[in-house]
Amino acid sequence: MTRFGILEALLRPDGLVVTTWRKLRRDPLGLLGLAIVLGIGFVTVFAPWLTSYDPNEVDVYARLLPPSADHLLGTDQLGRDTYTRLLYGGRVAMKVSIVAISIAMAIGIALGMLAGYGPRWLDRLLITGFDTIRSFPTIMFAMAIVALVGPSLNTVIGIIIIASIPVYARVVRTQTMALRERDFIVAERAMGASTRRILFRHVMPNIAAPLFILASMDVPVVVGMEAGLSFLGLGVSPPTASWGSILNDGYSYIRNSPWPIIAGGIPLILVTLGFTFFGESLRDILDPKLRREG
């Protein structure tokens, strides 16, 4: 296998990426989801250029103001600009989701292929580990970890990675076990191909589609998990802006002003809708079973 073999297979004219884009253009909901995803990515990346306020700048004389020309989404109980804090909270949410999903997927792919292609004893050992991790309720697991190491952004990322690895590993294991007895894999083994070549040259490209679908559908789950932990005080530490902490502040002062909690809920709704529409469209395009039924 060449160093760029997988990338070439994905980007060639009849590859996964180009073929998916051609079909996605014919799906209005998929395009809407992609537009929302790209919009969220744009505002989070360019947040410093889209506002003139500091997200942690306190102005007690401007506390709990309604939306206006100066403060598009009002201010919170400390006079901080809610619109600015939403932008920077989006950066935290996207950082958590991208880093956590990428690391969890990478580890899940490695462990899943080992479980699906390796000896039976290794498969049983890994499955036992996956089931053990998934047996703990996520919130209880998060509370235990935070009690040990303290709340922080890195703690949130670590919790999500540990909780997500078994999900990706199980999907990869199932796909690998289905592929290992296919004729082209058997032929490769008969010709003396190494396990590494078989896994990375033939198995990896064939499991890319379900992983893309799973990752896109996992983003709102991860964002919601980070927001939930921050809402409970188990996530990022103040004064760092987070959608969950904005919701927590808004809930505490909802009788004084409803705007912070309304503004804090809007991005969570948009992330859920955008990635759900996009993920559903990817599933319809890439899932072989749905393709055969159509």
C-alpha atoms as a PDB file:
ATOM      1  CA  MET A   1       0.000   0.000   0.000  1.00  0.00           C
ATOM      2  CA  THR A   2       1.267   3.488  -0.872  1.00  0.00           C
ATOM      3  CA  ARG A   3       1.341   6.203   1.749  1.00  0.00           C
ATOM      4  CA  PHE A   4      -1.535   8.057   0.105  1.00  0.00           C
ATOM      5  CA  GLY A   5      -3.459   5.003  -1.090  1.00  0.00           C
ATOM      6  CA  ILE A   6      -6.535   5.593   1.063  1.00  0.00           C
ATOM      7  CA  LEU A   7      -6.645   9.322   0.242  1.00  0.00           C
ATOM      8  CA  GLU A   8      -6.339   8.611  -3.485  1.00  0.00           C
ATOM      9  CA  ALA A   9      -9.151   6.064  -3.288  1.00  0.00           C
ATOM     10  CA  LEU A  10     -11.425   8.598  -1.586  1.00  0.00           C
ATOM     11  CA  LEU A  11     -10.690  11.572  -3.885  1.00  0.00           C
ATOM     12  CA  ARG A  12     -10.520   9.977  -7.315  1.00  0.00           C
ATOM     13  CA  PRO A  13     -13.437  10.764  -9.744  1.00  0.00           C
ATOM     14  CA  ASP A  14     -15.252   7.528  -8.868  1.00  0.00           C
ATOM     15  CA  GLY A  15     -14.160   7.634  -5.221  1.00  0.00           C
ATOM     16  CA  LEU A  16     -16.234   7.993  -2.089  1.00  0.00           C
ATOM     17  CA  VAL A  17     -15.974  11.776  -1.634  1.00  0.00           C
ATOM     18  CA  VAL A  18     -16.791  12.786  -5.219  1.00  0.00           C
ATOM     19  CA  THR A  19     -19.597  10.241  -5.564  1.00  0.00           C
ATOM     20  CA  THR A  20     -21.130  11.323  -2.259  1.00  0.00           C
ATOM     21  CA  TRP A  21     -21.068  14.995  -3.267  1.00  0.00           C
ATOM     22  CA  ARG A  22     -22.810  14.264  -6.572  1.00  0.00           C
ATOM     23  CA  LYS A  23     -25.656  12.500  -4.775  1.00  0.00           C
ATOM     24  CA  LEU A  24     -25.797  15.003  -1.911  1.00  0.00           C
ATOM     25  CA  ARG A  25     -26.493  17.856  -4.350  1.00  0.00           C
ATOM     26  CA  ARG A  26     -29.823  16.187  -5.190  1.00  0.00           C
ATOM     27  CA  ASP A  27     -30.969  16.055  -1.538  1.00  0.00           C
ATOM     28  CA  PRO A  28     -32.421  19.396  -0.290  1.00  0.00           C
ATOM     29  CA  LEU A  29     -32.343  18.402   3.396  1.00  0.00           C
ATOM     30  CA  GLY A  30     -28.799  17.132   3.044  1.00  0.00           C
ATOM     31  CA  LEU A  31     -27.715  20.408   1.448  1.00  0.00           C
ATOM     32  CA  LEU A  32     -29.499  22.353   4.194  1.00  0.00           C
ATOM     33  CA  GLY A  33     -27.691  20.302   6.827  1.00  0.00           C
ATOM     34  CA  LEU A  34     -24.364  20.844   5.084  1.00  0.00           C
ATOM     35  CA  ALA A  35     -25.051  24.593   4.882  1.00  0.00           C
ATOM     36  CA  ILE A  36     -25.794  24.728   8.629  1.00  0.00           C
ATOM     37  CA  VAL A  37     -22.662  22.698   9.396  1.00  0.00           C
ATOM     38  CA  LEU A  38     -20.489  24.956   7.242  1.00  0.00           C
ATOM     39  CA  GLY A  39     -22.120  28.054   8.751  1.00  0.00           C
ATOM     40  CA  ILE A  40     -21.416  26.864  12.289  1.00  0.00           C
ATOM     41  CA  GLY A  41     -17.844  26.067  11.310  1.00  0.00           C
ATOM     42  CA  PHE A  42     -17.411  29.512   9.766  1.00  0.00           C
ATOM     43  CA  VAL A  43     -18.689  31.513  12.754  1.00  0.00           C
ATOM     44  CA  THR A  44     -16.666  29.484  15.241  1.00  0.00           C
ATOM     45  CA  VAL A  45     -13.417  29.721  13.281  1.00  0.00           C
ATOM     46  CA  PHE A  46     -13.791  33.462  12.599  1.00  0.00           C
ATOM     47  CA  ALA A  47     -15.368  34.360  15.963  1.00  0.00           C
ATOM     48  CA  PRO A  48     -12.712  37.004  16.851  1.00  0.00           C
ATOM     49  CA  TRP A  49     -13.518  38.883  13.627  1.00  0.00           C
ATOM     50  CA  LEU A  50     -17.311  38.692  14.038  1.00  0.00           C
ATOM     51  CA  THR A  51     -17.520  40.589  17.326  1.00  0.00           C
ATOM     52  CA  SER A  52     -15.846  43.566  18.940  1.00  0.00           C
ATOM     53  CA  TYR A  53     -16.340  42.376  22.533  1.00  0.00           C
ATOM     54  CA  ASP A  54     -14.249  40.202  24.793  1.00  0.00           C
ATOM     55  CA  PRO A  55     -16.269  37.132  25.879  1.00  0.00           C
ATOM     56  CA  ASN A  56     -15.145  37.598  29.494  1.00  0.00           C
ATOM     57  CA  GLU A  57     -15.445  41.396  29.667  1.00  0.00           C
ATOM     58  CA  VAL A  58     -17.589  42.316  32.704  1.00  0.00           C
ATOM     59  CA  ASP A  59     -19.802  45.411  32.647  1.00  0.00           C
ATOM     60  CA  VAL A  60     -22.060  45.518  35.713  1.00  0.00           C
ATOM     61  CA  TYR A  61     -23.878  48.590  34.388  1.00  0.00           C
ATOM     62  CA  ALA A  62     -25.052  46.618  31.328  1.00  0.00           C
ATOM     63  CA  ARG A  63     -26.230  43.445  33.070  1.00  0.00           C
ATOM     64  CA  LEU A  64     -29.265  41.504  31.760  1.00  0.00           C
ATOM     65  CA  LEU A  65     -29.964  43.882  28.894  1.00  0.00           C
ATOM     66  CA  PRO A  66     -32.371  42.801  26.111  1.00  0.00           C
ATOM     67  CA  PRO A  67     -31.176  42.488  22.497  1.00  0.00           C
ATOM     68  CA  SER A  68     -30.159  45.779  20.926  1.00  0.00           C
ATOM     69  CA  ALA A  69     -27.878  47.223  18.271  1.00  0.00           C
ATOM     70  CA  ASP A  70     -24.975  47.205  20.746  1.00  0.00           C
ATOM     71  CA  HIS A  71     -25.694  43.705  22.106  1.00  0.00           C
ATOM     72  CA  LEU A  72     -27.385  41.584  19.452  1.00  0.00           C
ATOM     73  CA  LEU A  73     -28.487  38.887  21.910  1.00  0.00           C
ATOM     74  CA  GLY A  74     -28.474  40.945  25.089  1.00  0.00           C
ATOM     75  CA  THR A  75     -26.151  40.520  28.067  1.00  0.00           C
ATOM     76  CA  ASP A  76     -25.866  38.112  30.981  1.00  0.00           C
ATOM     77  CA  GLN A  77     -25.890  38.711  34.745  1.00  0.00           C
ATOM     78  CA  LEU A  78     -22.346  40.143  34.611  1.00  0.00           C
ATOM     79  CA  GLY A  79     -22.971  42.389  31.629  1.00  0.00           C
ATOM     80  CA  ARG A  80     -21.029  40.155  29.238  1.00  0.00           C
ATOM     81  CA  ASP A  81     -22.169  40.176  25.608  1.00  0.00           C
ATOM     82  CA  THR A  82     -24.202  37.003  25.042  1.00  0.00           C
ATOM     83  CA  TYR A  83     -23.627  36.940  21.270  1.00  0.00           C
ATOM     84  CA  THR A  84     -19.856  37.020  21.804  1.00  0.00           C
ATOM     85  CA  ARG A  85     -20.006  34.275  24.415  1.00  0.00           C
ATOM     86  CA  LEU A  86     -22.083  32.123  22.048  1.00  0.00           C
ATOM     87  CA  LEU A  87     -19.443  32.482  19.328  1.00  0.00           C
ATOM     88  CA  TYR A  88     -16.614  31.543  21.671  1.00  0.00           C
ATOM     89  CA  GLY A  89     -18.731  28.815  23.246  1.00  0.00           C
ATOM     90  CA  GLY A  90     -19.112  27.381  19.751  1.00  0.00           C
ATOM     91  CA  ARG A  91     -15.325  27.217  19.469  1.00  0.00           C
ATOM     92  CA  VAL A  92     -15.242  25.145  22.658  1.00  0.00           C
ATOM     93  CA  ALA A  93     -18.032  22.861  21.423  1.00  0.00           C
ATOM     94  CA  MET A  94     -16.419  22.289  18.019  1.00  0.00           C
ATOM     95  CA  LYS A  95     -12.982  21.742  19.557  1.00  0.00           C
ATOM     96  CA  VAL A  96     -14.380  19.130  21.921  1.00  0.00           C
ATOM     97  CA  SER A  97     -16.324  17.350  19.182  1.00  0.00           C
ATOM     98  CA  ILE A  98     -13.538  17.345  16.571  1.00  0.00           C
ATOM     99  CA  VAL A  99     -10.755  16.309  18.955  1.00  0.00           C
ATOM    100  CA  ALA A 100     -12.826  13.753  20.880  1.00  0.00           C
ATOM    101  CA  ILE A 101     -14.423  12.131  17.818  1.00  0.00           C
ATOM    102  CA  SER A 102     -11.142  12.024  15.883  1.00  0.00           C
ATOM    103  CA  ILE A 103      -9.200  10.382  18.712  1.00  0.00           C
ATOM    104  CA  ALA A 104     -12.051   8.023  19.626  1.00  0.00           C
ATOM    105  CA  MET A 105     -12.438   6.995  15.985  1.00  0.00           C
ATOM    106  CA  ALA A 106      -8.709   6.413  15.500  1.00  0.00           C
ATOM    107  CA  ILE A 107      -8.470   4.231  18.605  1.00  0.00           C
ATOM    108  CA  GLY A 108     -11.787   2.540  17.800  1.00  0.00           C
ATOM    109  CA  ILE A 109     -10.610   1.665  14.282  1.00  0.00           C
ATOM    110  CA  ALA A 110      -7.411   0.088  15.587  1.00  0.00           C
ATOM    111  CA  LEU A 111      -9.129  -1.892  18.344  1.00  0.00           C
ATOM    112  CA  GLY A 112     -12.080  -2.837  16.147  1.00  0.00           C
ATOM    113  CA  MET A 113      -9.877  -4.224  13.382  1.00  0.00           C
ATOM    114  CA  LEU A 114      -7.823  -6.145  15.954  1.00  0.00           C
ATOM    115  CA  ALA A 115     -11.006  -7.620  17.407  1.00  0.00           C
ATOM    116  CA  GLY A 116     -12.534  -8.444  14.035  1.00  0.00           C
ATOM    117  CA  TYR A 117      -9.428  -9.825  12.329  1.00  0.00           C
ATOM    118  CA  GLY A 118      -7.391 -11.103  15.247  1.00  0.00           C
ATOM    119  CA  PRO A 119      -7.610 -14.374  17.197  1.00  0.00           C
ATOM    120  CA  ARG A 120     -10.783 -15.305  19.039  1.00  0.00           C
ATOM    121  CA  TRP A 121      -9.287 -14.779  22.511  1.00  0.00           C
ATOM    122  CA  LEU A 122      -8.314 -11.214  21.654  1.00  0.00           C
ATOM    123  CA  ASP A 123     -11.789 -10.543  20.303  1.00  0.00           C
ATOM    124  CA  ARG A 124     -13.391 -11.758  23.528  1.00  0.00           C
ATOM    125  CA  LEU A 125     -10.985  -9.728  25.653  1.00  0.00           C
ATOM    126  CA  LEU A 126     -11.657  -6.524  23.750  1.00  0.00           C
ATOM    127  CA  ILE A 127     -15.423  -7.051  23.688  1.00  0.00           C
ATOM    128  CA  THR A 128     -15.374  -7.525  27.463  1.00  0.00           C
ATOM    129  CA  GLY A 129     -13.527  -4.223  27.797  1.00  0.00           C
ATOM    130  CA  PHE A 130     -15.999  -2.442  25.502  1.00  0.00           C
ATOM    131  CA  ASP A 131     -18.989  -3.821  27.420  1.00  0.00           C
ATOM    132  CA  THR A 132     -17.426  -2.841  30.740  1.00  0.00           C
ATOM    133  CA  ILE A 133     -16.981   0.774  29.649  1.00  0.00           C
ATOM    134  CA  ARG A 134     -20.472   1.001  28.166  1.00  0.00           C
ATOM    135  CA  SER A 135     -22.055  -0.486  31.282  1.00  0.00           C
ATOM    136  CA  PHE A 136     -21.359   2.710  33.245  1.00  0.00           C
ATOM    137  CA  PRO A 137     -23.929   5.521  32.820  1.00  0.00           C
ATOM    138  CA  THR A 138     -22.091   8.360  31.107  1.00  0.00           C
ATOM    139  CA  ILE A 139     -23.096  11.036  33.608  1.00  0.00           C
ATOM    140  CA  MET A 140     -22.106   8.896  36.595  1.00  0.00           C
ATOM    141  CA  PHE A 141     -18.820   8.038  34.887  1.00  0.00           C
ATOM    142  CA  ALA A 142     -18.216  11.730  34.174  1.00  0.00           C
ATOM    143  CA  MET A 143     -18.937  12.706  37.768  1.00  0.00           C
ATOM    144  CA  ALA A 144     -16.497  10.103  39.046  1.00  0.00           C
ATOM    145  CA  ILE A 145     -13.735  11.286  36.712  1.00  0.00           C
ATOM    146  CA  VAL A 146     -14.339  14.960  37.528  1.00  0.00           C
ATOM    147  CA  ALA A 147     -14.249  14.151  41.247  1.00  0.00           C
ATOM    148  CA  LEU A 148     -10.820  12.576  40.754  1.00  0.00           C
ATOM    149  CA  VAL A 149      -9.122  15.085  38.436  1.00  0.00           C
ATOM    150  CA  GLY A 150     -11.313  18.194  38.608  1.00  0.00           C
ATOM    151  CA  PRO A 151     -13.413  19.948  35.927  1.00  0.00           C
ATOM    152  CA  SER A 152     -11.619  21.183  32.811  1.00  0.00           C
ATOM    153  CA  LEU A 153     -11.894  21.119  29.031  1.00  0.00           C
ATOM    154  CA  ASN A 154      -9.335  18.310  28.779  1.00  0.00           C
ATOM    155  CA  THR A 155     -11.314  16.279  31.309  1.00  0.00           C
ATOM    156  CA  VAL A 156     -14.464  16.640  29.194  1.00  0.00           C
ATOM    157  CA  ILE A 157     -12.578  15.561  26.067  1.00  0.00           C
ATOM    158  CA  GLY A 158     -11.108  12.556  27.888  1.00  0.00           C
ATOM    159  CA  ILE A 159     -14.505  11.463  29.192  1.00  0.00           C
ATOM    160  CA  ILE A 160     -16.087  11.672  25.743  1.00  0.00           C
ATOM    161  CA  ILE A 161     -13.183   9.781  24.144  1.00  0.00           C
ATOM    162  CA  ILE A 162     -13.414   6.928  26.642  1.00  0.00           C
ATOM    163  CA  ALA A 163     -17.197   6.740  26.299  1.00  0.00           C
ATOM    164  CA  SER A 164     -17.078   6.837  22.464  1.00  0.00           C
ATOM    165  CA  ILE A 165     -14.282   4.351  21.736  1.00  0.00           C
ATOM    166  CA  PRO A 166     -16.476   1.232  22.244  1.00  0.00           C
ATOM    167  CA  VAL A 167     -19.084   2.599  19.811  1.00  0.00           C
ATOM    168  CA  TYR A 168     -16.596   3.014  16.956  1.00  0.00           C
ATOM    169  CA  ALA A 169     -14.734  -0.166  17.836  1.00  0.00           C
ATOM    170  CA  ARG A 170     -17.899  -2.271  17.699  1.00  0.00           C
ATOM    171  CA  VAL A 171     -18.883  -0.867  14.300  1.00  0.00           C
ATOM    172  CA  VAL A 172     -15.393  -1.499  12.913  1.00  0.00           C
ATOM    173  CA  ARG A 173     -15.299  -5.007  14.435  1.00  0.00           C
ATOM    174  CA  THR A 174     -18.613  -5.931  12.816  1.00  0.00           C
ATOM    175  CA  GLN A 175     -17.564  -4.587   9.426  1.00  0.00           C
ATOM    176  CA  THR A 176     -14.152  -6.274   9.635  1.00  0.00           C
ATOM    177  CA  MET A 177     -15.660  -9.658  10.532  1.00  0.00           C
ATOM    178  CA  ALA A 178     -18.028  -9.351   7.559  1.00  0.00           C
ATOM    179  CA  LEU A 179     -15.135  -8.525   5.218  1.00  0.00           C
ATOM    180  CA  ARG A 180     -12.550 -11.049   6.385  1.00  0.00           C
ATOM    181  CA  GLU A 181     -14.230 -13.951   4.566  1.00  0.00           C
ATOM    182  CA  ARG A 182     -14.916 -12.059   1.347  1.00  0.00           C
ATOM    183  CA  ASP A 183     -13.303 -13.503  -1.767  1.00  0.00           C
ATOM    184  CA  PHE A 184     -10.863 -10.635  -2.333  1.00  0.00           C
ATOM    185  CA  ILE A 185      -9.577 -10.858   1.252  1.00  0.00           C
ATOM    186  CA  VAL A 186      -9.206 -14.644   1.008  1.00  0.00           C
ATOM    187  CA  ALA A 187      -7.339 -14.189  -2.265  1.00  0.00           C
ATOM    188  CA  GLU A 188      -4.984 -11.660  -0.672  1.00  0.00           C
ATOM    189  CA  ARG A 189      -4.224 -14.052   2.177  1.00  0.00           C
ATOM    190  CA  ALA A 190      -3.615 -16.886  -0.299  1.00  0.00           C
ATOM    191  CA  MET A 191      -1.071 -14.712  -2.131  1.00  0.00           C
ATOM    192  CA  GLY A 192       0.779 -14.103   1.137  1.00  0.00           C
ATOM    193  CA  ALA A 193      -0.298 -10.522   1.794  1.00  0.00           C
ATOM    194  CA  SER A 194       0.554  -9.274   5.268  1.00  0.00           C
ATOM    195  CA  THR A 195      -2.138  -8.537   7.826  1.00  0.00           C
ATOM    196  CA  ARG A 196      -1.158  -4.874   7.798  1.00  0.00           C
ATOM    197  CA  ARG A 197      -1.632  -4.652   4.028  1.00  0.00           C
ATOM    198  CA  ILE A 198      -4.998  -6.408   4.178  1.00  0.00           C
ATOM    199  CA  LEU A 199      -6.314  -4.190   6.960  1.00  0.00           C
ATOM    200  CA  PHE A 200      -5.141  -0.839   5.619  1.00  0.00           C
ATOM    201  CA  ARG A 201      -5.393  -1.532   1.888  1.00  0.00           C
ATOM    202  CA  HIS A 202      -8.669  -3.458   1.723  1.00  0.00           C
ATOM    203  CA  VAL A 203     -10.541  -3.324   5.033  1.00  0.00           C
ATOM    204  CA  MET A 204     -10.070   0.368   5.875  1.00  0.00           C
ATOM    205  CA  PRO A 205     -11.506   1.828   2.619  1.00  0.00           C
ATOM    206  CA  ASN A 206     -14.521  -0.480   2.888  1.00  0.00           C
ATOM    207  CA  ILE A 207     -15.415   0.621   6.427  1.00  0.00           C
ATOM    208  CA  ALA A 208     -14.959   4.351   5.775  1.00  0.00           C
ATOM    209  CA  ALA A 209     -18.594   4.975   4.788  1.00  0.00           C
ATOM    210  CA  PRO A 210     -20.309   3.791   8.003  1.00  0.00           C
ATOM    211  CA  LEU A 211     -17.667   5.608  10.058  1.00  0.00           C
ATOM    212  CA  PHE A 212     -18.371   8.888   8.258  1.00  0.00           C
ATOM    213  CA  ILE A 213     -22.077   8.439   8.950  1.00  0.00           C
ATOM    214  CA  LEU A 214     -21.490   7.603  12.606  1.00  0.00           C
ATOM    215  CA  ALA A 215     -19.112  10.532  13.116  1.00  0.00           C
ATOM    216  CA  SER A 216     -21.515  13.060  11.597  1.00  0.00           C
ATOM    217  CA  MET A 217     -24.376  11.769  13.739  1.00  0.00           C
ATOM    218  CA  ASP A 218     -22.158  11.808  16.839  1.00  0.00           C
ATOM    219  CA  VAL A 219     -21.277  15.504  16.673  1.00  0.00           C
ATOM    220  CA  PRO A 220     -24.577  16.771  18.184  1.00  0.00           C
ATOM    221  CA  VAL A 221     -24.351  14.010  20.808  1.00  0.00           C
ATOM    222  CA  VAL A 222     -20.852  15.114  21.813  1.00  0.00           C
ATOM    223  CA  VAL A 223     -21.806  18.807  21.746  1.00  0.00           C
ATOM    224  CA  GLY A 224     -24.844  18.045  23.902  1.00  0.00           C
ATOM    225  CA  MET A 225     -22.706  16.026  26.298  1.00  0.00           C
ATOM    226  CA  GLU A 226     -20.210  18.873  26.672  1.00  0.00           C
ATOM    227  CA  ALA A 227     -23.039  21.372  27.184  1.00  0.00           C
ATOM    228  CA  GLY A 228     -24.712  19.095  29.720  1.00  0.00           C
ATOM    229  CA  LEU A 229     -21.527  18.633  31.726  1.00  0.00           C
ATOM    230  CA  SER A 230     -20.849  22.365  31.675  1.00  0.00           C
ATOM    231  CA  PHE A 231     -24.445  23.060  32.704  1.00  0.00           C
ATOM    232  CA  LEU A 232     -23.934  20.798  35.730  1.00  0.00           C
ATOM    233  CA  GLY A 233     -20.628  22.488  36.571  1.00  0.00           C
ATOM    234  CA  LEU A 234     -18.621  19.405  35.507  1.00  0.00           C
ATOM    235  CA  GLY A 235     -17.268  20.827  32.260  1.00  0.00           C
ATOM    236  CA  VAL A 236     -15.192  23.845  31.365  1.00  0.00           C
ATOM    237  CA  SER A 237     -14.282  26.118  34.248  1.00  0.00           C
ATOM    238  CA  PRO A 238     -15.568  29.725  34.473  1.00  0.00           C
ATOM    239  CA  PRO A 239     -15.134  32.237  33.002  1.00  0.00           C
ATOM    240  CA  THR A 240     -14.558  30.210  29.790  1.00  0.00           C
ATOM    241  CA  ALA A 241     -17.595  30.557  27.530  1.00  0.00           C
ATOM    242  CA  SER A 242     -19.573  27.386  26.913  1.00  0.00           C
ATOM    243  CA  TRP A 243     -23.106  26.826  25.632  1.00  0.00           C
ATOM    244  CA  GLY A 244     -23.826  24.769  28.739  1.00  0.00           C
ATOM    245  CA  SER A 245     -22.595  27.468  31.143  1.00  0.00           C
ATOM    246  CA  ILE A 246     -24.610  30.092  29.225  1.00  0.00           C
ATOM    247  CA  LEU A 247     -27.708  27.952  29.698  1.00  0.00           C
ATOM    248  CA  ASN A 248     -26.883  27.532  33.384  1.00  0.00           C
ATOM    249  CA  ASP A 249     -26.532  31.295  33.877  1.00  0.00           C
ATOM    250  CA  GLY A 250     -29.712  31.895  31.901  1.00  0.00           C
ATOM    251  CA  TYR A 251     -31.634  29.385  33.989  1.00  0.00           C
ATOM    252  CA  SER A 252     -30.475  31.044  37.211  1.00  0.00           C
ATOM    253  CA  TYR A 253     -31.702  34.461  36.045  1.00  0.00           C
ATOM    254  CA  ILE A 254     -34.660  33.455  33.875  1.00  0.00           C
ATOM    255  CA  ARG A 255     -37.066  35.550  35.982  1.00  0.00           C
ATOM    256  CA  ASN A 256     -34.954  38.642  35.307  1.00  0.00           C
ATOM    257  CA  SER A 257     -34.284  38.059  31.615  1.00  0.00           C
ATOM    258  CA  PRO A 258     -35.173  35.145  29.312  1.00  0.00           C
ATOM    259  CA  TRP A 259     -32.686  36.133  26.598  1.00  0.00           C
ATOM    260  CA  PRO A 260     -29.566  34.260  27.795  1.00  0.00           C
ATOM    261  CA  ILE A 261     -31.348  30.914  28.017  1.00  0.00           C
ATOM    262  CA  ILE A 262     -33.075  31.471  24.654  1.00  0.00           C
ATOM    263  CA  ALA A 263     -29.781  32.422  23.016  1.00  0.00           C
ATOM    264  CA  GLY A 264     -28.005  29.477  24.638  1.00  0.00           C
ATOM    265  CA  GLY A 265     -30.537  27.001  23.279  1.00  0.00           C
ATOM    266  CA  ILE A 266     -30.499  28.230  19.670  1.00  0.00           C
ATOM    267  CA  PRO A 267     -27.009  26.931  18.720  1.00  0.00           C
ATOM    268  CA  LEU A 268     -27.724  23.526  20.271  1.00  0.00           C
ATOM    269  CA  ILE A 269     -30.870  23.254  18.152  1.00  0.00           C
ATOM    270  CA  LEU A 270     -28.998  24.326  15.007  1.00  0.00           C
ATOM    271  CA  VAL A 271     -26.142  21.874  15.607  1.00  0.00           C
ATOM    272  CA  THR A 272     -28.611  19.046  16.162  1.00  0.00           C
ATOM    273  CA  LEU A 273     -30.640  19.868  13.045  1.00  0.00           C
ATOM    274  CA  GLY A 274     -27.628  20.513  10.820  1.00  0.00           C
ATOM    275  CA  PHE A 275     -25.648  17.393  11.650  1.00  0.00           C
ATOM    276  CA  THR A 276     -28.786  15.236  11.791  1.00  0.00           C
ATOM    277  CA  PHE A 277     -29.909  16.316   8.317  1.00  0.00           C
ATOM    278  CA  PHE A 278     -26.384  15.893   6.974  1.00  0.00           C
ATOM    279  CA  GLY A 279     -25.894  12.530   8.690  1.00  0.00           C
ATOM    280  CA  GLU A 280     -29.263  11.207   7.509  1.00  0.00           C
ATOM    281  CA  SER A 281     -28.392  12.205   3.954  1.00  0.00           C
ATOM    282  CA  LEU A 282     -24.991  10.507   4.209  1.00  0.00           C
ATOM    283  CA  ARG A 283     -26.679   7.370   5.533  1.00  0.00           C
ATOM    284  CA  ASP A 284     -29.092   7.276   2.598  1.00  0.00           C
ATOM    285  CA  ILE A 285     -26.212   7.761   0.157  1.00  0.00           C
ATOM    286  CA  LEU A 286     -23.570   5.490   1.679  1.00  0.00           C
ATOM    287  CA  ASP A 287     -25.476   2.698   3.434  1.00  0.00           C
ATOM    288  CA  PRO A 288     -25.368  -0.322   1.104  1.00  0.00           C
ATOM    289  CA  LYS A 289     -28.604  -1.821   2.453  1.00  0.00           C
ATOM    290  CA  LEU A 290     -30.569   1.351   1.837  1.00  0.00           C
ATOM    291  CA  ARG A 291     -28.984   1.628  -1.600  1.00  0.00           C
ATOM    292  CA  ARG A 292     -30.099  -1.887  -2.532  1.00  0.00           C
ATOM    293  CA  GLU A 293     -33.611  -1.267  -1.199  1.00  0.00           C
ATOM    294  CA  GLY A 294     -33.871   1.899  -3.280  1.00  0.00           C
END
